[in-house]
Amino acid sequence: MTHTTRILDTLDAMFPDAKVELVHRNHFELLIAVVLSAQATDVSVNQVTPALFKRYPTPQKLAKADIHDVENIIRTIGLYHNKAKNIITLAHVLNTQHQGMVPSDRQALEALPGVGRKTANVVLSNAFGIPALAVDTHVARVSVRLGFAKPGDHVLTIEKKLMRHIPEQHWQKVHHQLIFFGRYHCLARQPRCSTCPLHDICTYPMKTPKEA
């Protein structure tokens, strides 16, 4: 059994139902939630989006929103000034250039305000079922510790290495599984090394011993 196969099997056993934790009902809400989640937790985003989407349920309504009202709704998450501006402008672009619809094309997505490659990957994968591997801080950290990437690798380099190692049919699910593994098990400062089923594979120089 290869290391990759073992890692995939282990992640399947640990997180069989891993999926995006941002609460959304449609492509528009997913896109906005992912933009808001930059440098913020999914939990904090899920606390503000119900009120945001109740008041501005469509791109048409959000595009006409008062920025101070939007800021007030999302002020508990990081960078809320810029994010309020971005999502209002994003909604305007959806209306004027995409008939109010979220585009399924990477180039079009990345041209939207506040949308980078990671956000585009999340939307492509979760909204449209297009294979993509988004690399956030959890995925990057775990990828290095499990030997998929090297310390200091750029996020795009990590993404490309993961895509080489992991079969395409696993990309959508393994993205969420790697996030869950990093968020709930292989934490940044206090990873749960003593109970890790991948302890022998891990390259983390400060890992603690595994329980006997």
N, C-alpha and C. Protein backbone atom coordinates (compact mmCIF):
# COMPACT_ATOMS: atom_id res chain seq x y z
N MET A 1 0.84 -1.20 0.00
CA MET A 1 0.00 0.00 0.00
C MET A 1 0.88 1.25 0.00
N THR A 2 0.63 2.18 -0.92
CA THR A 2 1.41 3.41 -0.97
C THR A 2 1.00 4.34 0.17
N HIS A 3 1.87 5.31 0.45
CA HIS A 3 1.55 6.30 1.48
C HIS A 3 0.27 7.04 1.13
N THR A 4 0.12 7.41 -0.14
CA THR A 4 -1.07 8.16 -0.56
C THR A 4 -2.33 7.34 -0.32
N THR A 5 -2.31 6.07 -0.71
CA THR A 5 -3.47 5.21 -0.51
C THR A 5 -3.80 5.08 0.97
N ARG A 6 -2.78 4.90 1.78
CA ARG A 6 -3.01 4.78 3.23
C ARG A 6 -3.59 6.07 3.79
N ILE A 7 -3.06 7.20 3.36
CA ILE A 7 -3.59 8.49 3.84
C ILE A 7 -5.05 8.66 3.44
N LEU A 8 -5.37 8.35 2.18
CA LEU A 8 -6.76 8.48 1.72
C LEU A 8 -7.68 7.54 2.48
N ASP A 9 -7.24 6.31 2.71
CA ASP A 9 -8.05 5.35 3.46
C ASP A 9 -8.27 5.82 4.90
N THR A 10 -7.20 6.37 5.50
CA THR A 10 -7.30 6.85 6.88
C THR A 10 -8.26 8.04 6.98
N LEU A 11 -8.14 8.97 6.04
CA LEU A 11 -9.04 10.13 6.04
C LEU A 11 -10.48 9.70 5.82
N ASP A 12 -10.69 8.70 4.97
CA ASP A 12 -12.05 8.18 4.75
C ASP A 12 -12.62 7.58 6.04
N ALA A 13 -11.76 6.91 6.80
CA ALA A 13 -12.21 6.31 8.05
C ALA A 13 -12.49 7.37 9.11
N MET A 14 -11.66 8.40 9.15
CA MET A 14 -11.81 9.45 10.17
C MET A 14 -12.94 10.42 9.86
N PHE A 15 -13.06 10.79 8.59
CA PHE A 15 -14.04 11.81 8.18
C PHE A 15 -14.80 11.36 6.94
N PRO A 16 -15.63 10.35 7.08
CA PRO A 16 -16.33 9.79 5.91
C PRO A 16 -17.33 10.74 5.27
N ASP A 17 -17.83 11.69 6.05
CA ASP A 17 -18.87 12.58 5.54
C ASP A 17 -18.40 14.03 5.47
N ALA A 18 -17.10 14.23 5.32
CA ALA A 18 -16.56 15.59 5.28
C ALA A 18 -17.13 16.38 4.11
N LYS A 19 -17.57 17.59 4.41
CA LYS A 19 -18.10 18.48 3.37
C LYS A 19 -17.96 19.92 3.85
N VAL A 20 -18.23 20.85 2.97
CA VAL A 20 -18.08 22.25 3.32
C VAL A 20 -18.96 22.59 4.52
N GLU A 21 -18.40 23.32 5.49
CA GLU A 21 -19.14 23.65 6.71
C GLU A 21 -19.77 25.05 6.65
N LEU A 22 -19.55 25.78 5.58
CA LEU A 22 -20.22 27.06 5.41
C LEU A 22 -21.68 26.81 5.03
N VAL A 23 -22.57 27.34 5.81
CA VAL A 23 -24.00 27.11 5.57
C VAL A 23 -24.46 27.94 4.36
N HIS A 24 -25.09 27.29 3.40
CA HIS A 24 -25.56 27.98 2.20
C HIS A 24 -26.70 27.20 1.58
N ARG A 25 -27.51 27.90 0.78
CA ARG A 25 -28.65 27.26 0.12
C ARG A 25 -28.53 27.26 -1.39
N ASN A 26 -27.59 28.01 -1.93
CA ASN A 26 -27.44 28.09 -3.38
C ASN A 26 -26.02 28.56 -3.72
N HIS A 27 -25.72 28.63 -5.01
CA HIS A 27 -24.37 29.00 -5.46
C HIS A 27 -23.98 30.41 -5.02
N PHE A 28 -24.93 31.33 -5.06
CA PHE A 28 -24.66 32.70 -4.67
C PHE A 28 -24.26 32.78 -3.20
N GLU A 29 -25.04 32.12 -2.34
CA GLU A 29 -24.72 32.14 -0.92
C GLU A 29 -23.39 31.47 -0.63
N LEU A 30 -23.08 30.39 -1.34
CA LEU A 30 -21.79 29.73 -1.14
C LEU A 30 -20.65 30.67 -1.51
N LEU A 31 -20.76 31.33 -2.65
CA LEU A 31 -19.71 32.24 -3.10
C LEU A 31 -19.49 33.36 -2.09
N ILE A 32 -20.56 33.98 -1.63
CA ILE A 32 -20.43 35.07 -0.66
C ILE A 32 -19.82 34.56 0.64
N ALA A 33 -20.27 33.40 1.10
CA ALA A 33 -19.76 32.84 2.35
C ALA A 33 -18.27 32.54 2.26
N VAL A 34 -17.83 32.01 1.12
CA VAL A 34 -16.41 31.69 0.97
C VAL A 34 -15.58 32.98 0.94
N VAL A 35 -16.07 34.01 0.26
CA VAL A 35 -15.37 35.30 0.26
C VAL A 35 -15.25 35.84 1.69
N LEU A 36 -16.31 35.73 2.45
CA LEU A 36 -16.29 36.22 3.83
C LEU A 36 -15.38 35.39 4.73
N SER A 37 -15.12 34.15 4.36
CA SER A 37 -14.36 33.25 5.23
C SER A 37 -12.86 33.48 5.18
N ALA A 38 -12.38 34.32 4.27
CA ALA A 38 -10.94 34.60 4.21
C ALA A 38 -10.45 35.16 5.54
N GLN A 39 -9.46 34.51 6.13
CA GLN A 39 -8.91 34.92 7.42
C GLN A 39 -9.97 35.03 8.51
N ALA A 40 -10.96 34.16 8.40
CA ALA A 40 -12.01 34.07 9.43
C ALA A 40 -12.44 32.61 9.53
N THR A 41 -13.03 32.24 10.63
CA THR A 41 -13.46 30.86 10.80
C THR A 41 -14.83 30.65 10.15
N ASP A 42 -15.09 29.41 9.76
CA ASP A 42 -16.41 29.09 9.21
C ASP A 42 -17.50 29.37 10.24
N VAL A 43 -17.20 29.10 11.50
CA VAL A 43 -18.18 29.34 12.57
C VAL A 43 -18.57 30.81 12.62
N SER A 44 -17.58 31.70 12.54
CA SER A 44 -17.88 33.13 12.61
C SER A 44 -18.67 33.60 11.39
N VAL A 45 -18.38 33.02 10.23
CA VAL A 45 -19.12 33.38 9.02
C VAL A 45 -20.57 32.89 9.12
N ASN A 46 -20.74 31.67 9.61
CA ASN A 46 -22.10 31.12 9.74
C ASN A 46 -22.95 31.90 10.74
N GLN A 47 -22.31 32.66 11.61
CA GLN A 47 -23.06 33.47 12.58
C GLN A 47 -23.64 34.74 11.95
N VAL A 48 -23.02 35.21 10.85
CA VAL A 48 -23.48 36.47 10.26
C VAL A 48 -24.27 36.28 8.96
N THR A 49 -24.05 35.16 8.26
CA THR A 49 -24.70 35.03 6.96
C THR A 49 -26.22 34.88 7.01
N PRO A 50 -26.83 34.27 8.05
CA PRO A 50 -28.30 34.22 8.05
C PRO A 50 -28.94 35.60 7.95
N ALA A 51 -28.44 36.56 8.73
CA ALA A 51 -28.98 37.92 8.69
C ALA A 51 -28.66 38.59 7.35
N LEU A 52 -27.45 38.35 6.85
CA LEU A 52 -27.05 38.95 5.57
C LEU A 52 -27.93 38.45 4.44
N PHE A 53 -28.13 37.13 4.37
CA PHE A 53 -28.90 36.57 3.26
C PHE A 53 -30.41 36.81 3.41
N LYS A 54 -30.86 37.02 4.64
CA LYS A 54 -32.27 37.35 4.84
C LYS A 54 -32.57 38.74 4.26
N ARG A 55 -31.63 39.66 4.47
CA ARG A 55 -31.83 41.03 3.97
C ARG A 55 -31.45 41.15 2.50
N TYR A 56 -30.44 40.41 2.08
CA TYR A 56 -29.96 40.50 0.70
C TYR A 56 -29.86 39.10 0.09
N PRO A 57 -30.99 38.50 -0.26
CA PRO A 57 -31.01 37.10 -0.71
C PRO A 57 -30.55 36.89 -2.15
N THR A 58 -30.40 37.95 -2.92
CA THR A 58 -30.03 37.81 -4.33
C THR A 58 -28.91 38.79 -4.69
N PRO A 59 -28.20 38.53 -5.77
CA PRO A 59 -27.19 39.49 -6.23
C PRO A 59 -27.79 40.86 -6.52
N GLN A 60 -29.02 40.86 -7.03
CA GLN A 60 -29.68 42.12 -7.37
C GLN A 60 -29.86 42.99 -6.13
N LYS A 61 -30.26 42.39 -5.03
CA LYS A 61 -30.49 43.15 -3.81
C LYS A 61 -29.17 43.53 -3.13
N LEU A 62 -28.22 42.61 -3.13
CA LEU A 62 -26.94 42.92 -2.50
C LEU A 62 -26.20 44.02 -3.25
N ALA A 63 -26.34 44.06 -4.56
CA ALA A 63 -25.66 45.09 -5.36
C ALA A 63 -26.14 46.49 -5.01
N LYS A 64 -27.36 46.59 -4.50
CA LYS A 64 -27.94 47.89 -4.16
C LYS A 64 -27.83 48.20 -2.67
N ALA A 65 -27.13 47.34 -1.94
CA ALA A 65 -27.07 47.48 -0.48
C ALA A 65 -26.27 48.71 -0.07
N ASP A 66 -26.63 49.26 1.08
CA ASP A 66 -25.84 50.32 1.70
C ASP A 66 -24.65 49.68 2.39
N ILE A 67 -23.46 50.13 2.07
CA ILE A 67 -22.26 49.47 2.59
C ILE A 67 -22.19 49.51 4.11
N HIS A 68 -22.72 50.57 4.72
CA HIS A 68 -22.67 50.66 6.18
C HIS A 68 -23.59 49.62 6.82
N ASP A 69 -24.69 49.32 6.15
CA ASP A 69 -25.59 48.29 6.65
C ASP A 69 -24.93 46.92 6.56
N VAL A 70 -24.28 46.65 5.44
CA VAL A 70 -23.59 45.37 5.28
C VAL A 70 -22.45 45.25 6.30
N GLU A 71 -21.70 46.34 6.47
CA GLU A 71 -20.62 46.32 7.47
C GLU A 71 -21.16 46.01 8.86
N ASN A 72 -22.29 46.59 9.18
CA ASN A 72 -22.87 46.36 10.50
C ASN A 72 -23.26 44.90 10.71
N ILE A 73 -23.74 44.26 9.64
CA ILE A 73 -24.15 42.86 9.73
C ILE A 73 -22.94 41.94 9.90
N ILE A 74 -21.84 42.24 9.20
CA ILE A 74 -20.69 41.32 9.18
C ILE A 74 -19.52 41.80 10.03
N ARG A 75 -19.73 42.80 10.87
CA ARG A 75 -18.62 43.44 11.57
C ARG A 75 -17.88 42.50 12.53
N THR A 76 -18.47 41.38 12.91
CA THR A 76 -17.80 40.48 13.85
C THR A 76 -16.75 39.60 13.19
N ILE A 77 -16.66 39.63 11.86
CA ILE A 77 -15.64 38.83 11.19
C ILE A 77 -14.49 39.73 10.74
N GLY A 78 -13.33 39.14 10.52
CA GLY A 78 -12.15 39.90 10.17
C GLY A 78 -12.26 40.59 8.83
N LEU A 79 -11.63 41.75 8.73
CA LEU A 79 -11.55 42.52 7.47
C LEU A 79 -12.93 42.89 6.93
N TYR A 80 -13.85 43.20 7.82
CA TYR A 80 -15.23 43.39 7.37
C TYR A 80 -15.41 44.61 6.49
N HIS A 81 -14.57 45.64 6.64
CA HIS A 81 -14.68 46.81 5.76
C HIS A 81 -14.46 46.42 4.31
N ASN A 82 -13.32 45.76 4.06
CA ASN A 82 -13.01 45.35 2.69
C ASN A 82 -13.99 44.31 2.17
N LYS A 83 -14.39 43.40 3.04
CA LYS A 83 -15.30 42.34 2.60
C LYS A 83 -16.67 42.90 2.23
N ALA A 84 -17.15 43.87 2.97
CA ALA A 84 -18.44 44.49 2.63
C ALA A 84 -18.37 45.14 1.25
N LYS A 85 -17.29 45.87 1.01
CA LYS A 85 -17.11 46.50 -0.29
C LYS A 85 -17.02 45.46 -1.39
N ASN A 86 -16.25 44.39 -1.15
CA ASN A 86 -16.06 43.36 -2.17
C ASN A 86 -17.34 42.63 -2.53
N ILE A 87 -18.12 42.24 -1.53
CA ILE A 87 -19.31 41.44 -1.86
C ILE A 87 -20.38 42.29 -2.55
N ILE A 88 -20.45 43.58 -2.23
CA ILE A 88 -21.40 44.45 -2.93
C ILE A 88 -20.97 44.63 -4.38
N THR A 89 -19.68 44.88 -4.58
CA THR A 89 -19.17 45.03 -5.96
C THR A 89 -19.28 43.72 -6.72
N LEU A 90 -18.99 42.61 -6.04
CA LEU A 90 -19.12 41.28 -6.64
C LEU A 90 -20.55 41.06 -7.14
N ALA A 91 -21.52 41.39 -6.29
CA ALA A 91 -22.92 41.22 -6.68
C ALA A 91 -23.25 42.07 -7.91
N HIS A 92 -22.71 43.28 -7.96
CA HIS A 92 -22.93 44.15 -9.12
C HIS A 92 -22.37 43.51 -10.39
N VAL A 93 -21.17 42.93 -10.29
CA VAL A 93 -20.56 42.28 -11.45
C VAL A 93 -21.38 41.07 -11.88
N LEU A 94 -21.87 40.30 -10.92
CA LEU A 94 -22.73 39.15 -11.27
C LEU A 94 -23.94 39.62 -12.07
N ASN A 95 -24.51 40.73 -11.68
CA ASN A 95 -25.70 41.25 -12.36
C ASN A 95 -25.38 41.77 -13.75
N THR A 96 -24.29 42.51 -13.86
CA THR A 96 -24.01 43.19 -15.13
C THR A 96 -23.29 42.31 -16.14
N GLN A 97 -22.53 41.33 -15.66
CA GLN A 97 -21.74 40.52 -16.57
C GLN A 97 -22.15 39.06 -16.66
N HIS A 98 -22.93 38.59 -15.68
CA HIS A 98 -23.24 37.15 -15.64
C HIS A 98 -24.73 36.87 -15.42
N GLN A 99 -25.59 37.82 -15.77
CA GLN A 99 -27.04 37.65 -15.65
C GLN A 99 -27.46 37.22 -14.24
N GLY A 100 -26.74 37.70 -13.25
CA GLY A 100 -27.09 37.40 -11.87
C GLY A 100 -26.73 35.99 -11.43
N MET A 101 -25.95 35.28 -12.24
CA MET A 101 -25.59 33.89 -11.94
C MET A 101 -24.11 33.79 -11.57
N VAL A 102 -23.78 32.83 -10.73
CA VAL A 102 -22.38 32.57 -10.39
C VAL A 102 -21.76 31.80 -11.56
N PRO A 103 -20.68 32.30 -12.14
CA PRO A 103 -20.08 31.62 -13.28
C PRO A 103 -19.37 30.32 -12.87
N SER A 104 -19.36 29.36 -13.78
CA SER A 104 -18.70 28.09 -13.50
C SER A 104 -17.33 28.01 -14.17
N ASP A 105 -16.82 29.15 -14.60
CA ASP A 105 -15.54 29.24 -15.28
C ASP A 105 -14.51 29.85 -14.34
N ARG A 106 -13.35 29.21 -14.21
CA ARG A 106 -12.33 29.68 -13.27
C ARG A 106 -11.92 31.12 -13.53
N GLN A 107 -11.65 31.45 -14.79
CA GLN A 107 -11.18 32.80 -15.11
C GLN A 107 -12.22 33.84 -14.73
N ALA A 108 -13.49 33.55 -14.99
CA ALA A 108 -14.56 34.48 -14.65
C ALA A 108 -14.69 34.61 -13.13
N LEU A 109 -14.56 33.51 -12.43
CA LEU A 109 -14.65 33.55 -10.96
C LEU A 109 -13.51 34.38 -10.36
N GLU A 110 -12.30 34.13 -10.84
CA GLU A 110 -11.14 34.82 -10.26
C GLU A 110 -11.12 36.30 -10.63
N ALA A 111 -11.93 36.71 -11.60
CA ALA A 111 -12.03 38.12 -11.95
C ALA A 111 -12.98 38.87 -11.02
N LEU A 112 -13.72 38.15 -10.20
CA LEU A 112 -14.68 38.78 -9.29
C LEU A 112 -13.95 39.40 -8.10
N PRO A 113 -14.45 40.52 -7.59
CA PRO A 113 -13.82 41.16 -6.42
C PRO A 113 -13.79 40.22 -5.22
N GLY A 114 -12.62 40.12 -4.58
CA GLY A 114 -12.50 39.30 -3.38
C GLY A 114 -12.33 37.82 -3.64
N VAL A 115 -12.27 37.42 -4.90
CA VAL A 115 -12.17 36.00 -5.24
C VAL A 115 -10.78 35.68 -5.79
N GLY A 116 -10.06 34.83 -5.08
CA GLY A 116 -8.77 34.36 -5.55
C GLY A 116 -8.87 32.90 -5.96
N ARG A 117 -7.74 32.29 -6.17
CA ARG A 117 -7.72 30.90 -6.64
C ARG A 117 -8.37 29.95 -5.63
N LYS A 118 -8.09 30.13 -4.34
CA LYS A 118 -8.65 29.23 -3.33
C LYS A 118 -10.18 29.31 -3.32
N THR A 119 -10.71 30.53 -3.32
CA THR A 119 -12.16 30.69 -3.34
C THR A 119 -12.76 30.10 -4.60
N ALA A 120 -12.12 30.34 -5.73
CA ALA A 120 -12.61 29.79 -7.00
C ALA A 120 -12.63 28.27 -6.95
N ASN A 121 -11.59 27.67 -6.38
CA ASN A 121 -11.53 26.21 -6.28
C ASN A 121 -12.67 25.66 -5.43
N VAL A 122 -12.95 26.33 -4.31
CA VAL A 122 -14.03 25.88 -3.43
C VAL A 122 -15.37 25.93 -4.17
N VAL A 123 -15.61 27.02 -4.89
CA VAL A 123 -16.88 27.19 -5.61
C VAL A 123 -16.98 26.21 -6.77
N LEU A 124 -15.92 26.06 -7.54
CA LEU A 124 -15.94 25.13 -8.66
C LEU A 124 -16.25 23.72 -8.18
N SER A 125 -15.59 23.32 -7.10
CA SER A 125 -15.75 21.96 -6.59
C SER A 125 -17.11 21.73 -5.95
N ASN A 126 -17.53 22.63 -5.08
CA ASN A 126 -18.73 22.39 -4.28
C ASN A 126 -20.02 22.81 -4.98
N ALA A 127 -19.94 23.83 -5.82
CA ALA A 127 -21.15 24.29 -6.51
C ALA A 127 -21.37 23.54 -7.83
N PHE A 128 -20.28 23.26 -8.52
CA PHE A 128 -20.41 22.73 -9.88
C PHE A 128 -19.84 21.34 -10.07
N GLY A 129 -19.26 20.76 -9.02
CA GLY A 129 -18.72 19.42 -9.14
C GLY A 129 -17.51 19.31 -10.05
N ILE A 130 -16.83 20.44 -10.27
CA ILE A 130 -15.63 20.45 -11.11
C ILE A 130 -14.42 20.14 -10.22
N PRO A 131 -13.67 19.09 -10.52
CA PRO A 131 -12.56 18.70 -9.64
C PRO A 131 -11.57 19.85 -9.41
N ALA A 132 -11.33 20.14 -8.15
CA ALA A 132 -10.39 21.20 -7.77
C ALA A 132 -9.95 20.96 -6.34
N LEU A 133 -8.76 21.43 -6.01
CA LEU A 133 -8.21 21.26 -4.67
C LEU A 133 -7.84 22.62 -4.10
N ALA A 134 -8.66 23.13 -3.23
CA ALA A 134 -8.36 24.42 -2.60
C ALA A 134 -7.39 24.21 -1.45
N VAL A 135 -6.40 25.09 -1.35
CA VAL A 135 -5.39 24.98 -0.30
C VAL A 135 -5.53 26.15 0.66
N ASP A 136 -6.02 25.86 1.86
CA ASP A 136 -6.05 26.88 2.91
C ASP A 136 -4.94 26.58 3.91
N THR A 137 -4.95 27.25 5.04
CA THR A 137 -3.86 27.07 6.00
C THR A 137 -3.82 25.64 6.55
N HIS A 138 -4.99 25.04 6.78
CA HIS A 138 -5.03 23.67 7.29
C HIS A 138 -4.49 22.69 6.26
N VAL A 139 -4.95 22.82 5.03
CA VAL A 139 -4.51 21.91 3.97
C VAL A 139 -3.00 22.05 3.75
N ALA A 140 -2.51 23.28 3.76
CA ALA A 140 -1.08 23.52 3.56
C ALA A 140 -0.26 22.86 4.67
N ARG A 141 -0.67 23.07 5.91
CA ARG A 141 0.06 22.52 7.05
C ARG A 141 0.08 20.99 7.02
N VAL A 142 -1.07 20.40 6.81
CA VAL A 142 -1.18 18.94 6.79
C VAL A 142 -0.42 18.35 5.60
N SER A 143 -0.48 19.02 4.47
CA SER A 143 0.22 18.53 3.28
C SER A 143 1.73 18.44 3.51
N VAL A 144 2.27 19.42 4.23
CA VAL A 144 3.70 19.40 4.54
C VAL A 144 4.00 18.29 5.54
N ARG A 145 3.21 18.19 6.58
CA ARG A 145 3.47 17.19 7.62
C ARG A 145 3.33 15.76 7.10
N LEU A 146 2.45 15.55 6.14
CA LEU A 146 2.25 14.21 5.59
C LEU A 146 3.16 13.92 4.39
N GLY A 147 4.03 14.87 4.07
CA GLY A 147 5.02 14.62 3.04
C GLY A 147 4.59 14.88 1.62
N PHE A 148 3.41 15.45 1.43
CA PHE A 148 2.98 15.80 0.07
C PHE A 148 3.73 17.02 -0.46
N ALA A 149 4.16 17.88 0.46
CA ALA A 149 4.83 19.13 0.09
C ALA A 149 5.97 19.39 1.04
N LYS A 150 6.76 20.41 0.72
CA LYS A 150 7.91 20.77 1.55
C LYS A 150 7.63 22.06 2.32
N PRO A 151 8.25 22.22 3.48
CA PRO A 151 8.10 23.49 4.22
C PRO A 151 8.51 24.66 3.33
N GLY A 152 7.73 25.70 3.34
CA GLY A 152 8.05 26.87 2.53
C GLY A 152 7.44 26.86 1.15
N ASP A 153 6.84 25.74 0.75
CA ASP A 153 6.19 25.69 -0.56
C ASP A 153 5.07 26.72 -0.64
N HIS A 154 4.95 27.38 -1.79
CA HIS A 154 3.84 28.30 -2.04
C HIS A 154 2.55 27.49 -2.15
N VAL A 155 1.42 28.13 -1.84
CA VAL A 155 0.15 27.41 -1.87
C VAL A 155 -0.14 26.80 -3.25
N LEU A 156 0.24 27.50 -4.30
CA LEU A 156 0.00 26.95 -5.65
C LEU A 156 0.88 25.73 -5.89
N THR A 157 2.09 25.75 -5.37
CA THR A 157 2.98 24.59 -5.47
C THR A 157 2.38 23.40 -4.72
N ILE A 158 1.85 23.67 -3.52
CA ILE A 158 1.22 22.61 -2.74
C ILE A 158 0.02 22.04 -3.50
N GLU A 159 -0.79 22.93 -4.07
CA GLU A 159 -1.96 22.48 -4.84
C GLU A 159 -1.53 21.55 -5.98
N LYS A 160 -0.52 21.95 -6.71
CA LYS A 160 -0.06 21.14 -7.85
C LYS A 160 0.51 19.81 -7.40
N LYS A 161 1.22 19.80 -6.27
CA LYS A 161 1.76 18.55 -5.76
C LYS A 161 0.65 17.61 -5.31
N LEU A 162 -0.36 18.15 -4.64
CA LEU A 162 -1.50 17.33 -4.23
C LEU A 162 -2.21 16.74 -5.44
N MET A 163 -2.36 17.54 -6.48
CA MET A 163 -3.04 17.09 -7.69
C MET A 163 -2.25 15.97 -8.38
N ARG A 164 -0.94 16.00 -8.24
CA ARG A 164 -0.11 14.94 -8.83
C ARG A 164 -0.22 13.64 -8.02
N HIS A 165 -0.26 13.78 -6.71
CA HIS A 165 -0.26 12.60 -5.84
C HIS A 165 -1.64 11.95 -5.69
N ILE A 166 -2.69 12.77 -5.69
CA ILE A 166 -4.03 12.27 -5.36
C ILE A 166 -4.87 12.17 -6.63
N PRO A 167 -5.49 11.02 -6.88
CA PRO A 167 -6.34 10.86 -8.07
C PRO A 167 -7.47 11.89 -8.09
N GLU A 168 -7.78 12.35 -9.29
CA GLU A 168 -8.74 13.45 -9.46
C GLU A 168 -10.10 13.17 -8.83
N GLN A 169 -10.53 11.92 -8.86
CA GLN A 169 -11.87 11.61 -8.32
C GLN A 169 -11.96 11.82 -6.82
N HIS A 170 -10.81 11.99 -6.16
CA HIS A 170 -10.79 12.20 -4.71
C HIS A 170 -10.68 13.68 -4.33
N TRP A 171 -10.44 14.55 -5.29
CA TRP A 171 -10.08 15.93 -4.95
C TRP A 171 -11.13 16.65 -4.12
N GLN A 172 -12.39 16.56 -4.53
CA GLN A 172 -13.42 17.32 -3.83
C GLN A 172 -13.53 16.89 -2.37
N LYS A 173 -13.58 15.58 -2.14
CA LYS A 173 -13.76 15.10 -0.77
C LYS A 173 -12.50 15.27 0.06
N VAL A 174 -11.34 14.96 -0.54
CA VAL A 174 -10.11 15.01 0.25
C VAL A 174 -9.77 16.44 0.66
N HIS A 175 -10.21 17.42 -0.12
CA HIS A 175 -10.02 18.82 0.29
C HIS A 175 -10.65 19.05 1.66
N HIS A 176 -11.89 18.62 1.82
CA HIS A 176 -12.59 18.79 3.10
C HIS A 176 -11.99 17.90 4.17
N GLN A 177 -11.56 16.69 3.80
CA GLN A 177 -10.97 15.78 4.79
C GLN A 177 -9.65 16.32 5.33
N LEU A 178 -8.85 16.91 4.47
CA LEU A 178 -7.59 17.51 4.92
C LEU A 178 -7.85 18.70 5.83
N ILE A 179 -8.88 19.49 5.51
CA ILE A 179 -9.27 20.60 6.38
C ILE A 179 -9.68 20.07 7.75
N PHE A 180 -10.53 19.06 7.76
CA PHE A 180 -11.00 18.49 9.03
C PHE A 180 -9.84 17.90 9.82
N PHE A 181 -8.93 17.21 9.13
CA PHE A 181 -7.77 16.61 9.78
C PHE A 181 -6.92 17.70 10.44
N GLY A 182 -6.74 18.82 9.75
CA GLY A 182 -5.98 19.92 10.31
C GLY A 182 -6.72 20.70 11.37
N ARG A 183 -8.02 20.81 11.21
CA ARG A 183 -8.83 21.61 12.13
C ARG A 183 -9.11 20.88 13.45
N TYR A 184 -9.30 19.56 13.38
CA TYR A 184 -9.75 18.82 14.55
C TYR A 184 -8.73 17.80 15.08
N HIS A 185 -7.66 17.54 14.33
CA HIS A 185 -6.69 16.53 14.78
C HIS A 185 -5.25 17.05 14.71
N CYS A 186 -4.79 17.37 13.52
CA CYS A 186 -3.40 17.80 13.33
C CYS A 186 -3.31 19.32 13.47
N LEU A 187 -3.56 19.79 14.68
CA LEU A 187 -3.62 21.23 14.94
C LEU A 187 -2.25 21.88 14.76
N ALA A 188 -2.25 23.18 14.55
CA ALA A 188 -1.01 23.89 14.28
C ALA A 188 -0.06 23.82 15.47
N ARG A 189 -0.54 24.11 16.67
CA ARG A 189 0.35 24.22 17.82
C ARG A 189 0.36 22.99 18.72
N GLN A 190 -0.74 22.32 18.82
CA GLN A 190 -0.80 21.13 19.68
C GLN A 190 -1.45 19.97 18.93
N PRO A 191 -0.76 19.45 17.91
CA PRO A 191 -1.32 18.32 17.17
C PRO A 191 -1.47 17.10 18.07
N ARG A 192 -2.48 16.32 17.80
CA ARG A 192 -2.77 15.15 18.64
C ARG A 192 -1.96 13.95 18.15
N CYS A 193 -0.65 14.09 18.29
CA CYS A 193 0.28 13.08 17.78
C CYS A 193 0.09 11.73 18.46
N SER A 194 -0.24 11.75 19.75
CA SER A 194 -0.26 10.50 20.53
C SER A 194 -1.31 9.52 20.02
N THR A 195 -2.35 10.04 19.35
CA THR A 195 -3.41 9.17 18.85
C THR A 195 -3.50 9.19 17.32
N CYS A 196 -2.46 9.68 16.67
CA CYS A 196 -2.53 9.85 15.21
C CYS A 196 -2.29 8.53 14.48
N PRO A 197 -3.21 8.13 13.61
CA PRO A 197 -3.03 6.89 12.85
C PRO A 197 -1.99 7.02 11.74
N LEU A 198 -1.52 8.24 11.50
CA LEU A 198 -0.50 8.47 10.47
C LEU A 198 0.81 8.94 11.08
N HIS A 199 1.01 8.61 12.33
CA HIS A 199 2.19 9.09 13.07
C HIS A 199 3.49 8.70 12.39
N ASP A 200 3.57 7.48 11.88
CA ASP A 200 4.82 7.00 11.29
C ASP A 200 5.12 7.66 9.95
N ILE A 201 4.08 8.17 9.28
CA ILE A 201 4.27 8.86 8.00
C ILE A 201 4.65 10.32 8.22
N CYS A 202 4.17 10.89 9.30
CA CYS A 202 4.32 12.32 9.56
C CYS A 202 5.78 12.75 9.59
N THR A 203 6.06 13.88 8.95
CA THR A 203 7.42 14.42 8.89
C THR A 203 7.61 15.61 9.84
N TYR A 204 6.61 15.93 10.63
CA TYR A 204 6.68 17.08 11.53
C TYR A 204 7.80 16.89 12.54
N PRO A 205 8.81 17.75 12.54
CA PRO A 205 10.00 17.53 13.38
C PRO A 205 9.71 17.62 14.88
N MET A 206 8.57 18.26 15.25
CA MET A 206 8.27 18.44 16.67
C MET A 206 7.14 17.51 17.13
N LYS A 207 6.86 16.47 16.36
CA LYS A 207 5.78 15.57 16.76
C LYS A 207 6.15 14.84 18.06
N THR A 208 5.16 14.59 18.86
CA THR A 208 5.36 13.89 20.13
C THR A 208 5.14 12.40 19.92
N PRO A 209 5.61 11.56 20.86
CA PRO A 209 5.50 10.12 20.66
C PRO A 209 4.05 9.65 20.59
N LYS A 210 3.87 8.55 19.92
CA LYS A 210 2.55 7.94 19.81
C LYS A 210 2.31 7.04 21.01
N GLU A 211 1.06 6.98 21.44
CA GLU A 211 0.72 6.10 22.57
C GLU A 211 1.02 4.66 22.20
N ALA A 212 1.48 3.92 23.20
CA ALA A 212 1.78 2.50 22.96
C ALA A 212 0.49 1.70 22.77
